[in-house]
Protein backbone atom coordinates (compact mmCIF):
# COMPACT_ATOMS: atom_id res chain seq x y z
CA MET A 1 72.94 83.83 102.53
CA ASN A 2 71.96 81.66 99.59
CA SER A 3 68.45 82.73 100.23
CA ILE A 4 68.77 86.20 99.72
CA ASN A 5 68.95 87.34 96.33
CA PRO A 6 72.76 88.36 94.58
CA GLY A 7 71.31 91.57 93.89
CA LYS A 8 69.90 92.59 96.93
CA TRP A 9 72.82 91.11 99.14
CA ARG A 10 74.86 93.32 96.85
CA ALA A 11 72.54 96.90 98.02
CA VAL A 12 73.17 95.88 101.88
CA LEU A 13 76.28 95.90 101.61
CA TRP A 14 76.30 98.93 99.60
CA MET A 15 73.90 100.62 102.57
CA VAL A 16 76.15 99.27 105.25
CA LEU A 17 79.64 99.68 103.39
CA THR A 18 78.52 103.98 102.87
CA VAL A 19 76.88 104.55 106.81
CA SER A 20 79.59 102.06 107.66
CA VAL A 21 82.45 105.15 105.59
CA VAL A 22 80.54 108.00 107.24
CA VAL A 23 80.39 106.98 111.16
CA ASN A 24 84.14 106.53 110.10
CA VAL A 25 84.61 109.77 108.95
CA ILE A 26 82.50 111.08 111.67
CA THR A 27 84.35 108.77 114.94
CA GLY A 28 87.78 109.89 113.08
CA SER A 29 87.91 113.40 111.63
CA LEU A 30 85.00 115.17 112.59
CA LEU A 31 84.14 114.38 116.14
CA GLY A 32 88.24 113.10 117.13
CA GLY A 33 88.25 111.20 120.58
CA TYR A 34 86.41 108.11 119.65
CA THR A 35 89.11 105.88 118.00
CA ALA A 36 87.35 102.92 118.56
CA VAL A 37 84.24 103.08 116.91
CA SER A 38 86.37 104.40 113.65
CA ILE A 39 88.55 101.89 114.37
CA VAL A 40 85.31 99.50 114.62
CA ALA A 41 83.89 100.59 111.45
CA GLY A 42 86.95 100.92 109.68
CA CYS A 43 87.19 97.63 110.04
CA VAL A 44 83.17 97.25 109.83
CA ALA A 45 83.57 98.65 106.20
CA VAL A 46 87.00 97.32 104.67
CA ALA A 47 84.12 93.74 105.96
CA CYS A 48 82.27 94.75 103.04
CA ILE A 49 84.80 96.19 100.61
CA GLY A 50 85.50 91.61 100.77
CA GLY A 51 82.11 90.87 100.72
CA LEU A 52 80.83 92.62 97.70
CA ILE A 53 84.67 91.24 95.75
CA VAL A 54 83.63 87.67 96.18
CA SER A 55 80.07 88.95 95.13
CA HIS A 56 81.25 90.05 91.78
CA VAL A 57 83.57 87.28 91.34
CA ARG A 58 81.23 84.37 91.76
CA GLY A 59 78.49 86.46 89.62
CA ARG A 60 81.35 86.81 86.97
CA LYS A 61 81.83 82.77 86.54
CA ALA A 62 77.76 82.29 86.96
């Protein structure tokens, strides 16, 4: 994680967050019956949000 530029790291987190939210919406509400995939996508989204928060707090301290 330290070898990646913080700006690039945030960009990757935002892309993964966007994809996981789209997957969550598609599998959760549009397709129905894919609950396991929707839960995994939701967990990935929460992890990305946590990573973005940590990145923001570390950036403020620097």
